[in-house]
N, C-alpha and C. Protein backbone atom coordinates (compact mmCIF):
# COMPACT_ATOMS: atom_id res chain seq x y z
N MET A 1 8.38 -5.49 21.66
CA MET A 1 7.58 -6.26 20.71
C MET A 1 8.08 -6.03 19.29
N THR A 2 7.87 -7.03 18.47
CA THR A 2 8.19 -6.91 17.05
C THR A 2 7.27 -5.88 16.41
N ARG A 3 7.81 -5.11 15.50
CA ARG A 3 7.00 -4.15 14.75
C ARG A 3 6.96 -4.60 13.30
N ILE A 4 5.77 -4.70 12.76
CA ILE A 4 5.56 -5.16 11.39
C ILE A 4 4.84 -4.08 10.61
N GLY A 5 5.41 -3.68 9.49
CA GLY A 5 4.74 -2.73 8.61
C GLY A 5 3.74 -3.44 7.72
N VAL A 6 2.67 -2.74 7.38
CA VAL A 6 1.64 -3.28 6.50
C VAL A 6 1.41 -2.27 5.38
N LEU A 7 1.67 -2.70 4.15
CA LEU A 7 1.48 -1.83 2.99
C LEU A 7 0.43 -2.46 2.09
N GLY A 8 -0.74 -1.88 2.09
CA GLY A 8 -1.82 -2.38 1.24
C GLY A 8 -1.91 -1.58 -0.04
N GLY A 9 -2.48 -2.20 -1.06
CA GLY A 9 -2.65 -1.48 -2.31
C GLY A 9 -3.08 -2.40 -3.43
N THR A 10 -3.43 -1.79 -4.53
CA THR A 10 -3.79 -2.56 -5.71
C THR A 10 -2.53 -3.08 -6.42
N PHE A 11 -1.45 -2.29 -6.35
CA PHE A 11 -0.17 -2.65 -6.96
C PHE A 11 -0.37 -3.05 -8.43
N ASP A 12 -0.86 -2.09 -9.20
CA ASP A 12 -1.25 -2.37 -10.58
C ASP A 12 -0.61 -1.36 -11.54
N PRO A 13 0.74 -1.39 -11.70
CA PRO A 13 1.72 -2.35 -11.18
C PRO A 13 2.46 -1.81 -9.95
N PRO A 14 3.20 -2.69 -9.23
CA PRO A 14 4.11 -2.22 -8.19
C PRO A 14 5.31 -1.53 -8.83
N HIS A 15 5.77 -0.42 -8.23
CA HIS A 15 6.84 0.35 -8.86
C HIS A 15 7.86 0.80 -7.81
N TYR A 16 8.89 1.50 -8.27
CA TYR A 16 9.96 1.91 -7.36
C TYR A 16 9.48 2.87 -6.28
N GLY A 17 8.42 3.62 -6.54
CA GLY A 17 7.87 4.48 -5.50
C GLY A 17 7.42 3.65 -4.30
N HIS A 18 6.67 2.57 -4.57
CA HIS A 18 6.25 1.67 -3.49
C HIS A 18 7.46 1.12 -2.74
N LEU A 19 8.45 0.66 -3.49
CA LEU A 19 9.61 -0.01 -2.88
C LEU A 19 10.44 0.95 -2.03
N ILE A 20 10.68 2.14 -2.53
CA ILE A 20 11.49 3.11 -1.79
C ILE A 20 10.78 3.52 -0.51
N LEU A 21 9.49 3.78 -0.60
CA LEU A 21 8.75 4.21 0.59
C LEU A 21 8.68 3.08 1.63
N ALA A 22 8.48 1.85 1.17
CA ALA A 22 8.42 0.72 2.10
C ALA A 22 9.76 0.52 2.79
N GLU A 23 10.85 0.68 2.06
CA GLU A 23 12.18 0.49 2.66
C GLU A 23 12.52 1.63 3.61
N GLN A 24 12.12 2.84 3.27
CA GLN A 24 12.34 3.97 4.18
C GLN A 24 11.55 3.77 5.48
N ALA A 25 10.32 3.29 5.35
CA ALA A 25 9.52 3.02 6.55
C ALA A 25 10.15 1.92 7.38
N ARG A 26 10.64 0.87 6.72
CA ARG A 26 11.28 -0.23 7.45
C ARG A 26 12.45 0.28 8.29
N GLU A 27 13.26 1.15 7.69
CA GLU A 27 14.43 1.66 8.38
C GLU A 27 14.05 2.64 9.49
N GLN A 28 13.22 3.63 9.17
CA GLN A 28 12.91 4.69 10.14
C GLN A 28 12.07 4.20 11.31
N LEU A 29 11.19 3.25 11.07
CA LEU A 29 10.32 2.76 12.13
C LEU A 29 10.86 1.48 12.77
N GLU A 30 12.04 1.06 12.32
CA GLU A 30 12.69 -0.15 12.84
C GLU A 30 11.74 -1.34 12.77
N LEU A 31 11.19 -1.56 11.58
CA LEU A 31 10.27 -2.66 11.35
C LEU A 31 11.05 -3.95 11.09
N SER A 32 10.59 -5.05 11.65
CA SER A 32 11.26 -6.32 11.40
C SER A 32 10.99 -6.79 9.97
N ARG A 33 9.83 -6.43 9.44
CA ARG A 33 9.48 -6.75 8.06
C ARG A 33 8.31 -5.91 7.62
N VAL A 34 8.06 -5.91 6.33
CA VAL A 34 6.92 -5.20 5.77
C VAL A 34 6.08 -6.20 5.00
N LEU A 35 4.82 -6.30 5.38
CA LEU A 35 3.88 -7.16 4.66
C LEU A 35 3.20 -6.35 3.56
N TRP A 36 3.32 -6.82 2.34
CA TRP A 36 2.63 -6.21 1.21
C TRP A 36 1.31 -6.96 1.03
N VAL A 37 0.21 -6.22 1.05
CA VAL A 37 -1.11 -6.84 1.02
C VAL A 37 -1.85 -6.40 -0.25
N PRO A 38 -1.75 -7.17 -1.33
CA PRO A 38 -2.50 -6.82 -2.54
C PRO A 38 -4.01 -6.93 -2.28
N ALA A 39 -4.74 -5.93 -2.71
CA ALA A 39 -6.19 -5.91 -2.55
C ALA A 39 -6.81 -6.68 -3.71
N ALA A 40 -7.58 -7.70 -3.38
CA ALA A 40 -8.22 -8.48 -4.44
C ALA A 40 -9.45 -7.76 -5.00
N ASP A 41 -10.19 -7.09 -4.11
CA ASP A 41 -11.46 -6.46 -4.50
C ASP A 41 -11.59 -5.12 -3.79
N PRO A 42 -10.78 -4.12 -4.18
CA PRO A 42 -10.83 -2.83 -3.48
C PRO A 42 -12.15 -2.11 -3.71
N PRO A 43 -12.92 -1.83 -2.65
CA PRO A 43 -14.25 -1.24 -2.83
C PRO A 43 -14.22 0.14 -3.46
N HIS A 44 -13.12 0.91 -3.27
CA HIS A 44 -13.08 2.26 -3.81
C HIS A 44 -12.75 2.26 -5.30
N LYS A 45 -12.51 1.07 -5.87
CA LYS A 45 -12.18 1.02 -7.30
C LYS A 45 -13.22 0.21 -8.09
N HIS A 46 -14.38 -0.01 -7.49
CA HIS A 46 -15.44 -0.70 -8.23
C HIS A 46 -15.81 0.13 -9.47
N GLY A 47 -16.00 -0.55 -10.58
CA GLY A 47 -16.34 0.13 -11.81
C GLY A 47 -15.13 0.50 -12.65
N ARG A 48 -13.92 0.35 -12.08
CA ARG A 48 -12.70 0.62 -12.84
C ARG A 48 -12.04 -0.70 -13.23
N PRO A 49 -11.44 -0.75 -14.41
CA PRO A 49 -10.75 -1.99 -14.79
C PRO A 49 -9.52 -2.23 -13.92
N ILE A 50 -9.40 -3.42 -13.37
CA ILE A 50 -8.26 -3.79 -12.53
C ILE A 50 -7.67 -5.08 -13.09
N THR A 51 -6.36 -5.11 -13.18
CA THR A 51 -5.68 -6.30 -13.67
C THR A 51 -6.01 -7.49 -12.76
N PRO A 52 -6.25 -8.68 -13.33
CA PRO A 52 -6.55 -9.85 -12.49
C PRO A 52 -5.52 -10.04 -11.39
N VAL A 53 -6.00 -10.48 -10.23
CA VAL A 53 -5.14 -10.53 -9.05
C VAL A 53 -3.96 -11.46 -9.22
N GLU A 54 -4.10 -12.53 -10.02
CA GLU A 54 -2.96 -13.43 -10.19
C GLU A 54 -1.79 -12.73 -10.87
N HIS A 55 -2.07 -11.83 -11.80
CA HIS A 55 -0.99 -11.05 -12.44
C HIS A 55 -0.38 -10.07 -11.43
N ARG A 56 -1.22 -9.41 -10.64
CA ARG A 56 -0.70 -8.43 -9.69
C ARG A 56 0.12 -9.11 -8.59
N LEU A 57 -0.30 -10.29 -8.17
CA LEU A 57 0.48 -11.04 -7.18
C LEU A 57 1.86 -11.41 -7.73
N GLU A 58 1.91 -11.84 -8.97
CA GLU A 58 3.20 -12.23 -9.54
C GLU A 58 4.10 -11.02 -9.72
N MET A 59 3.52 -9.87 -10.09
CA MET A 59 4.34 -8.66 -10.22
C MET A 59 4.89 -8.23 -8.86
N VAL A 60 4.08 -8.33 -7.80
CA VAL A 60 4.58 -8.00 -6.46
C VAL A 60 5.68 -8.97 -6.07
N ARG A 61 5.48 -10.26 -6.35
CA ARG A 61 6.52 -11.25 -6.02
C ARG A 61 7.83 -10.89 -6.71
N LEU A 62 7.77 -10.51 -7.98
CA LEU A 62 8.97 -10.14 -8.72
C LEU A 62 9.60 -8.87 -8.16
N ALA A 63 8.77 -7.93 -7.72
CA ALA A 63 9.28 -6.67 -7.18
C ALA A 63 10.02 -6.88 -5.86
N LEU A 64 9.58 -7.86 -5.07
CA LEU A 64 10.13 -8.05 -3.72
C LEU A 64 11.25 -9.06 -3.65
N VAL A 65 11.63 -9.64 -4.78
CA VAL A 65 12.46 -10.83 -4.78
C VAL A 65 13.82 -10.64 -4.09
N ASP A 66 14.36 -9.43 -4.09
CA ASP A 66 15.71 -9.25 -3.54
C ASP A 66 15.73 -8.59 -2.17
N ASN A 67 14.56 -8.51 -1.50
CA ASN A 67 14.52 -7.91 -0.17
C ASN A 67 13.90 -8.90 0.82
N PRO A 68 14.72 -9.54 1.66
CA PRO A 68 14.19 -10.55 2.58
C PRO A 68 13.28 -9.98 3.66
N ALA A 69 13.28 -8.66 3.84
CA ALA A 69 12.39 -8.04 4.83
C ALA A 69 11.00 -7.77 4.29
N PHE A 70 10.80 -7.97 3.00
CA PHE A 70 9.50 -7.75 2.37
C PHE A 70 8.83 -9.10 2.12
N GLU A 71 7.55 -9.19 2.49
CA GLU A 71 6.78 -10.42 2.28
C GLU A 71 5.41 -10.08 1.72
N ILE A 72 4.83 -11.01 0.97
CA ILE A 72 3.46 -10.86 0.49
C ILE A 72 2.52 -11.51 1.49
N SER A 73 1.44 -10.82 1.82
CA SER A 73 0.36 -11.40 2.63
C SER A 73 -0.85 -11.60 1.72
N LEU A 74 -1.44 -12.78 1.80
CA LEU A 74 -2.62 -13.10 0.99
C LEU A 74 -3.91 -12.93 1.78
N VAL A 75 -3.85 -12.16 2.86
CA VAL A 75 -4.99 -12.04 3.76
C VAL A 75 -6.22 -11.49 3.04
N ASP A 76 -6.04 -10.62 2.05
CA ASP A 76 -7.19 -10.11 1.29
C ASP A 76 -7.53 -11.02 0.12
N VAL A 77 -6.53 -11.61 -0.48
CA VAL A 77 -6.75 -12.47 -1.65
C VAL A 77 -7.54 -13.72 -1.27
N ASN A 78 -7.31 -14.22 -0.06
CA ASN A 78 -7.91 -15.49 0.36
C ASN A 78 -9.26 -15.36 1.06
N ARG A 79 -9.91 -14.20 0.92
CA ARG A 79 -11.23 -14.06 1.53
C ARG A 79 -12.15 -13.32 0.56
N PRO A 80 -13.45 -13.54 0.67
CA PRO A 80 -14.38 -12.87 -0.24
C PRO A 80 -14.43 -11.37 0.01
N GLY A 81 -14.67 -10.62 -1.04
CA GLY A 81 -14.75 -9.18 -0.92
C GLY A 81 -16.16 -8.70 -0.67
N PRO A 82 -16.37 -7.38 -0.59
CA PRO A 82 -15.34 -6.35 -0.71
C PRO A 82 -14.42 -6.33 0.50
N HIS A 83 -13.22 -5.79 0.30
CA HIS A 83 -12.20 -5.83 1.32
C HIS A 83 -12.02 -4.45 1.96
N TYR A 84 -12.30 -4.38 3.26
CA TYR A 84 -12.14 -3.13 3.99
C TYR A 84 -10.89 -3.21 4.86
N THR A 85 -10.22 -2.09 4.99
CA THR A 85 -8.92 -2.06 5.65
C THR A 85 -8.99 -2.51 7.10
N HIS A 86 -10.01 -2.06 7.83
CA HIS A 86 -10.07 -2.43 9.25
C HIS A 86 -10.22 -3.94 9.42
N GLU A 87 -10.91 -4.61 8.47
CA GLU A 87 -11.04 -6.06 8.53
C GLU A 87 -9.70 -6.73 8.26
N MET A 88 -8.98 -6.22 7.28
CA MET A 88 -7.66 -6.76 6.96
C MET A 88 -6.71 -6.64 8.14
N LEU A 89 -6.72 -5.47 8.80
CA LEU A 89 -5.83 -5.27 9.94
C LEU A 89 -6.24 -6.14 11.13
N ALA A 90 -7.53 -6.36 11.31
CA ALA A 90 -7.99 -7.24 12.38
C ALA A 90 -7.48 -8.66 12.15
N LEU A 91 -7.53 -9.12 10.91
CA LEU A 91 -7.04 -10.46 10.60
C LEU A 91 -5.53 -10.56 10.82
N LEU A 92 -4.79 -9.54 10.39
CA LEU A 92 -3.35 -9.56 10.59
C LEU A 92 -2.99 -9.49 12.06
N ALA A 93 -3.75 -8.72 12.83
CA ALA A 93 -3.50 -8.66 14.28
C ALA A 93 -3.70 -10.03 14.91
N GLY A 94 -4.67 -10.78 14.39
CA GLY A 94 -4.88 -12.13 14.88
C GLY A 94 -3.77 -13.08 14.48
N GLU A 95 -3.22 -12.87 13.29
CA GLU A 95 -2.12 -13.72 12.82
C GLU A 95 -0.80 -13.40 13.53
N HIS A 96 -0.66 -12.16 13.99
CA HIS A 96 0.59 -11.71 14.62
C HIS A 96 0.28 -11.10 15.98
N PRO A 97 -0.18 -11.91 16.95
CA PRO A 97 -0.64 -11.36 18.23
C PRO A 97 0.46 -10.72 19.07
N ASN A 98 1.71 -11.05 18.78
CA ASN A 98 2.82 -10.51 19.58
C ASN A 98 3.57 -9.39 18.85
N ALA A 99 2.92 -8.80 17.86
CA ALA A 99 3.55 -7.74 17.07
C ALA A 99 2.73 -6.46 17.13
N ASP A 100 3.43 -5.34 17.03
CA ASP A 100 2.78 -4.05 16.82
C ASP A 100 2.69 -3.82 15.31
N LEU A 101 1.49 -3.62 14.80
CA LEU A 101 1.30 -3.37 13.38
C LEU A 101 1.38 -1.88 13.09
N VAL A 102 2.07 -1.53 12.00
CA VAL A 102 2.15 -0.14 11.54
C VAL A 102 1.62 -0.12 10.12
N PHE A 103 0.47 0.52 9.94
CA PHE A 103 -0.15 0.60 8.62
C PHE A 103 0.44 1.79 7.88
N LEU A 104 1.04 1.53 6.73
CA LEU A 104 1.76 2.55 5.97
C LEU A 104 0.84 3.17 4.93
N ILE A 105 0.66 4.49 5.02
CA ILE A 105 -0.21 5.20 4.09
C ILE A 105 0.44 6.52 3.70
N GLY A 106 -0.08 7.13 2.66
CA GLY A 106 0.35 8.46 2.25
C GLY A 106 -0.51 9.53 2.90
N GLU A 107 -0.05 10.77 2.84
CA GLU A 107 -0.83 11.87 3.41
C GLU A 107 -2.19 12.02 2.74
N ASP A 108 -2.30 11.62 1.47
CA ASP A 108 -3.59 11.69 0.80
C ASP A 108 -4.59 10.74 1.46
N SER A 109 -4.11 9.55 1.85
CA SER A 109 -4.99 8.60 2.54
C SER A 109 -5.32 9.09 3.95
N LEU A 110 -4.34 9.70 4.63
CA LEU A 110 -4.63 10.26 5.95
C LEU A 110 -5.71 11.33 5.85
N ARG A 111 -5.60 12.20 4.87
CA ARG A 111 -6.60 13.25 4.66
C ARG A 111 -8.00 12.66 4.45
N ASP A 112 -8.07 11.54 3.71
CA ASP A 112 -9.35 10.95 3.35
C ASP A 112 -9.86 9.92 4.36
N LEU A 113 -9.10 9.69 5.42
CA LEU A 113 -9.42 8.61 6.35
C LEU A 113 -10.85 8.67 6.90
N PRO A 114 -11.41 9.86 7.18
CA PRO A 114 -12.78 9.88 7.69
C PRO A 114 -13.81 9.28 6.73
N THR A 115 -13.47 9.18 5.45
CA THR A 115 -14.41 8.61 4.47
C THR A 115 -14.29 7.09 4.37
N TRP A 116 -13.28 6.51 5.02
CA TRP A 116 -13.09 5.06 4.97
C TRP A 116 -14.13 4.36 5.84
N ARG A 117 -14.33 3.07 5.60
CA ARG A 117 -15.25 2.28 6.40
C ARG A 117 -14.69 2.10 7.82
N GLU A 118 -15.42 2.59 8.81
CA GLU A 118 -15.08 2.44 10.24
C GLU A 118 -13.61 2.77 10.54
N PRO A 119 -13.18 4.00 10.26
CA PRO A 119 -11.76 4.35 10.46
C PRO A 119 -11.30 4.27 11.91
N SER A 120 -12.22 4.46 12.86
CA SER A 120 -11.81 4.38 14.26
C SER A 120 -11.38 2.97 14.63
N ARG A 121 -11.93 1.96 13.96
CA ARG A 121 -11.51 0.59 14.22
C ARG A 121 -10.12 0.33 13.66
N LEU A 122 -9.79 1.01 12.59
CA LEU A 122 -8.48 0.84 11.98
C LEU A 122 -7.36 1.16 12.97
N ILE A 123 -7.51 2.28 13.70
CA ILE A 123 -6.43 2.66 14.62
C ILE A 123 -6.46 1.86 15.92
N GLN A 124 -7.46 1.00 16.09
CA GLN A 124 -7.43 0.06 17.21
C GLN A 124 -6.40 -1.03 16.97
N TYR A 125 -6.23 -1.40 15.70
CA TYR A 125 -5.38 -2.53 15.35
C TYR A 125 -3.96 -2.12 14.97
N ALA A 126 -3.76 -0.87 14.58
CA ALA A 126 -2.44 -0.47 14.08
C ALA A 126 -2.21 1.01 14.32
N THR A 127 -0.94 1.37 14.46
CA THR A 127 -0.57 2.77 14.35
C THR A 127 -0.40 3.08 12.87
N LEU A 128 -0.28 4.35 12.55
CA LEU A 128 -0.16 4.77 11.15
C LEU A 128 1.21 5.36 10.90
N GLY A 129 1.91 4.85 9.91
CA GLY A 129 3.14 5.44 9.43
C GLY A 129 2.81 6.23 8.18
N VAL A 130 2.86 7.55 8.26
CA VAL A 130 2.35 8.40 7.18
C VAL A 130 3.50 9.00 6.38
N MET A 131 3.45 8.79 5.07
CA MET A 131 4.48 9.26 4.15
C MET A 131 4.01 10.54 3.47
N ARG A 132 4.90 11.49 3.38
CA ARG A 132 4.57 12.80 2.80
C ARG A 132 4.15 12.66 1.34
N ARG A 133 3.21 13.51 0.93
CA ARG A 133 2.76 13.59 -0.46
C ARG A 133 2.77 15.05 -0.86
N GLN A 134 3.22 15.32 -2.07
CA GLN A 134 3.31 16.69 -2.54
C GLN A 134 1.91 17.26 -2.80
N GLY A 135 1.68 18.48 -2.31
CA GLY A 135 0.44 19.18 -2.62
C GLY A 135 -0.77 18.75 -1.82
N ILE A 136 -0.59 17.90 -0.80
CA ILE A 136 -1.71 17.43 0.01
C ILE A 136 -1.87 18.34 1.23
N THR A 137 -3.07 18.86 1.44
CA THR A 137 -3.32 19.72 2.60
C THR A 137 -4.49 19.16 3.40
N TYR A 138 -4.44 19.33 4.71
CA TYR A 138 -5.49 18.88 5.61
C TYR A 138 -5.23 19.52 6.96
N GLU A 139 -6.22 19.45 7.83
CA GLU A 139 -6.08 19.97 9.18
C GLU A 139 -6.15 18.81 10.16
N MET A 140 -5.08 18.61 10.92
CA MET A 140 -5.03 17.51 11.86
C MET A 140 -6.13 17.64 12.91
N GLU A 141 -6.49 18.86 13.26
CA GLU A 141 -7.54 19.06 14.25
C GLU A 141 -8.87 18.51 13.76
N ALA A 142 -9.17 18.74 12.49
CA ALA A 142 -10.42 18.23 11.92
C ALA A 142 -10.41 16.70 11.85
N LEU A 143 -9.26 16.13 11.50
CA LEU A 143 -9.15 14.67 11.46
C LEU A 143 -9.32 14.08 12.85
N GLU A 144 -8.72 14.73 13.85
CA GLU A 144 -8.83 14.26 15.22
C GLU A 144 -10.29 14.34 15.70
N ALA A 145 -10.99 15.38 15.29
CA ALA A 145 -12.39 15.52 15.67
C ALA A 145 -13.24 14.41 15.05
N ALA A 146 -12.90 14.03 13.83
CA ALA A 146 -13.65 12.98 13.14
C ALA A 146 -13.29 11.59 13.65
N ILE A 147 -12.02 11.41 14.04
CA ILE A 147 -11.53 10.11 14.50
C ILE A 147 -10.78 10.34 15.81
N PRO A 148 -11.48 10.40 16.93
CA PRO A 148 -10.81 10.68 18.20
C PRO A 148 -9.69 9.67 18.51
N GLY A 149 -8.56 10.21 18.95
CA GLY A 149 -7.41 9.37 19.26
C GLY A 149 -6.46 9.19 18.09
N LEU A 150 -6.82 9.74 16.93
CA LEU A 150 -5.99 9.55 15.73
C LEU A 150 -4.59 10.13 15.90
N ARG A 151 -4.51 11.35 16.43
CA ARG A 151 -3.23 12.07 16.47
C ARG A 151 -2.13 11.24 17.15
N GLU A 152 -2.49 10.60 18.26
CA GLU A 152 -1.47 9.85 19.01
C GLU A 152 -1.11 8.52 18.35
N ARG A 153 -1.84 8.17 17.30
CA ARG A 153 -1.56 6.92 16.59
C ARG A 153 -0.83 7.15 15.27
N VAL A 154 -0.40 8.39 15.01
CA VAL A 154 0.24 8.74 13.74
C VAL A 154 1.71 9.07 13.96
N THR A 155 2.56 8.50 13.10
CA THR A 155 3.97 8.88 13.02
C THR A 155 4.25 9.31 11.60
N PHE A 156 4.82 10.50 11.43
CA PHE A 156 5.16 10.98 10.09
C PHE A 156 6.58 10.54 9.73
N LEU A 157 6.74 10.10 8.50
CA LEU A 157 8.02 9.60 8.03
C LEU A 157 8.71 10.63 7.15
N ASP A 158 10.02 10.66 7.23
CA ASP A 158 10.82 11.55 6.39
C ASP A 158 11.19 10.78 5.13
N THR A 159 10.29 10.80 4.16
CA THR A 159 10.49 10.03 2.94
C THR A 159 10.61 10.96 1.74
N PRO A 160 11.35 10.55 0.72
CA PRO A 160 11.46 11.39 -0.48
C PRO A 160 10.13 11.51 -1.19
N LEU A 161 9.91 12.64 -1.82
CA LEU A 161 8.70 12.85 -2.60
C LEU A 161 8.89 12.22 -3.97
N ILE A 162 8.28 11.07 -4.17
CA ILE A 162 8.46 10.31 -5.41
C ILE A 162 7.15 10.34 -6.18
N ASP A 163 7.17 11.03 -7.31
CA ASP A 163 5.94 11.25 -8.07
C ASP A 163 5.80 10.19 -9.17
N ILE A 164 5.62 8.94 -8.73
CA ILE A 164 5.33 7.85 -9.67
C ILE A 164 3.95 7.33 -9.32
N ALA A 165 3.09 7.22 -10.31
CA ALA A 165 1.73 6.72 -10.09
C ALA A 165 1.48 5.54 -11.01
N ALA A 166 0.87 4.49 -10.47
CA ALA A 166 0.59 3.30 -11.26
C ALA A 166 -0.29 3.64 -12.47
N ALA A 167 -1.24 4.55 -12.30
CA ALA A 167 -2.12 4.93 -13.42
C ALA A 167 -1.30 5.53 -14.56
N ASP A 168 -0.29 6.33 -14.24
CA ASP A 168 0.56 6.91 -15.27
C ASP A 168 1.37 5.83 -15.98
N LEU A 169 1.83 4.84 -15.22
CA LEU A 169 2.59 3.75 -15.84
C LEU A 169 1.71 2.94 -16.79
N ARG A 170 0.48 2.68 -16.39
CA ARG A 170 -0.44 1.96 -17.28
C ARG A 170 -0.68 2.76 -18.55
N ALA A 171 -0.82 4.08 -18.40
CA ALA A 171 -1.04 4.94 -19.57
C ALA A 171 0.19 4.96 -20.48
N ARG A 172 1.37 4.94 -19.88
CA ARG A 172 2.61 4.90 -20.67
C ARG A 172 2.67 3.63 -21.50
N VAL A 173 2.36 2.50 -20.88
CA VAL A 173 2.40 1.23 -21.62
C VAL A 173 1.39 1.27 -22.77
N ALA A 174 0.19 1.74 -22.47
CA ALA A 174 -0.86 1.80 -23.50
C ALA A 174 -0.45 2.68 -24.67
N ALA A 175 0.33 3.73 -24.37
CA ALA A 175 0.76 4.66 -25.42
C ALA A 175 2.07 4.23 -26.08
N GLY A 176 2.63 3.11 -25.65
CA GLY A 176 3.88 2.64 -26.23
C GLY A 176 5.10 3.39 -25.74
N ARG A 177 5.00 4.07 -24.60
CA ARG A 177 6.12 4.83 -24.06
C ARG A 177 6.92 3.97 -23.09
N THR A 178 8.14 4.38 -22.81
CA THR A 178 9.02 3.60 -21.95
C THR A 178 8.58 3.65 -20.49
N ILE A 179 8.77 2.52 -19.80
CA ILE A 179 8.59 2.47 -18.35
C ILE A 179 9.89 2.04 -17.68
N ARG A 180 10.97 2.03 -18.43
CA ARG A 180 12.27 1.70 -17.87
C ARG A 180 12.61 2.68 -16.75
N TYR A 181 13.17 2.15 -15.67
CA TYR A 181 13.59 2.90 -14.47
C TYR A 181 12.43 3.36 -13.59
N PHE A 182 11.19 3.03 -13.97
CA PHE A 182 10.06 3.33 -13.10
C PHE A 182 9.74 2.16 -12.18
N LEU A 183 10.12 0.96 -12.59
CA LEU A 183 9.82 -0.24 -11.82
C LEU A 183 10.90 -1.28 -12.07
N PRO A 184 10.98 -2.32 -11.24
CA PRO A 184 12.04 -3.31 -11.38
C PRO A 184 11.99 -4.00 -12.74
N PRO A 185 13.16 -4.40 -13.26
CA PRO A 185 13.21 -5.05 -14.56
C PRO A 185 12.32 -6.29 -14.66
N GLY A 186 12.23 -7.07 -13.59
CA GLY A 186 11.40 -8.27 -13.64
C GLY A 186 9.93 -7.94 -13.82
N VAL A 187 9.48 -6.86 -13.19
CA VAL A 187 8.09 -6.43 -13.34
C VAL A 187 7.86 -5.92 -14.74
N ARG A 188 8.80 -5.15 -15.24
CA ARG A 188 8.67 -4.62 -16.60
C ARG A 188 8.60 -5.76 -17.62
N ALA A 189 9.46 -6.76 -17.45
CA ALA A 189 9.46 -7.90 -18.37
C ALA A 189 8.14 -8.66 -18.30
N TYR A 190 7.60 -8.79 -17.09
CA TYR A 190 6.33 -9.51 -16.93
C TYR A 190 5.20 -8.76 -17.63
N ILE A 191 5.18 -7.44 -17.51
CA ILE A 191 4.16 -6.63 -18.17
C ILE A 191 4.19 -6.84 -19.67
N HIS A 192 5.39 -6.83 -20.24
CA HIS A 192 5.52 -7.00 -21.69
C HIS A 192 5.21 -8.44 -22.11
N GLN A 193 5.66 -9.40 -21.29
CA GLN A 193 5.43 -10.81 -21.62
C GLN A 193 3.95 -11.14 -21.69
N HIS A 194 3.16 -10.54 -20.79
CA HIS A 194 1.73 -10.85 -20.72
C HIS A 194 0.86 -9.76 -21.35
N SER A 195 1.50 -8.84 -22.04
CA SER A 195 0.77 -7.77 -22.77
C SER A 195 -0.23 -7.05 -21.87
N LEU A 196 0.21 -6.75 -20.64
CA LEU A 196 -0.67 -6.03 -19.72
C LEU A 196 -0.73 -4.55 -20.11
N TYR A 197 -1.86 -3.95 -19.80
CA TYR A 197 -2.10 -2.50 -19.98
C TYR A 197 -2.14 -2.06 -21.43
N GLN A 198 -2.28 -3.03 -22.35
CA GLN A 198 -2.44 -2.66 -23.76
C GLN A 198 -3.87 -2.19 -23.99
N VAL A 199 -4.02 -1.26 -24.90
CA VAL A 199 -5.37 -0.76 -25.21
C VAL A 199 -6.15 -1.83 -25.97
């Protein structure tokens, strides 16, 4: 069966950390493609300022322009929120009935998975491709106890530890500091053209 990676996120902005990890997952897991799923209304970020989705979609489009294995999915953008991951994966499973879905997350998300909405349903629709994060600790036994069957649905990826955070990039722009080499030139140009992340 075809294997399709799923990378969800706010992507505010998308940066080289996202791109490198997605490409490493594509190669190591032998994915036919990676679907990037921008979250239109992420429930865990209610109360925080988020760049309008049309800007984030265009930045993702610019970030993915030179990789034919990367595609944008509008599955979250085209439905009312709030958007929960298990619902998104159920919709994608319906759109791709002949594919194995691999949901790509970091170890921080794996650690926090028991706090997500209906996490046991999430692993019904997809396996998890987990990327290492520096300084993240958890006990797999405790996670398995909270979400039975989780362990057999997890594959750990050998990915570089890339310490780039979108929040730091937004702060850099607001402070007038350089973001060169943190994200693709097209994304950087778009941020400056539309005066995003200015105080």
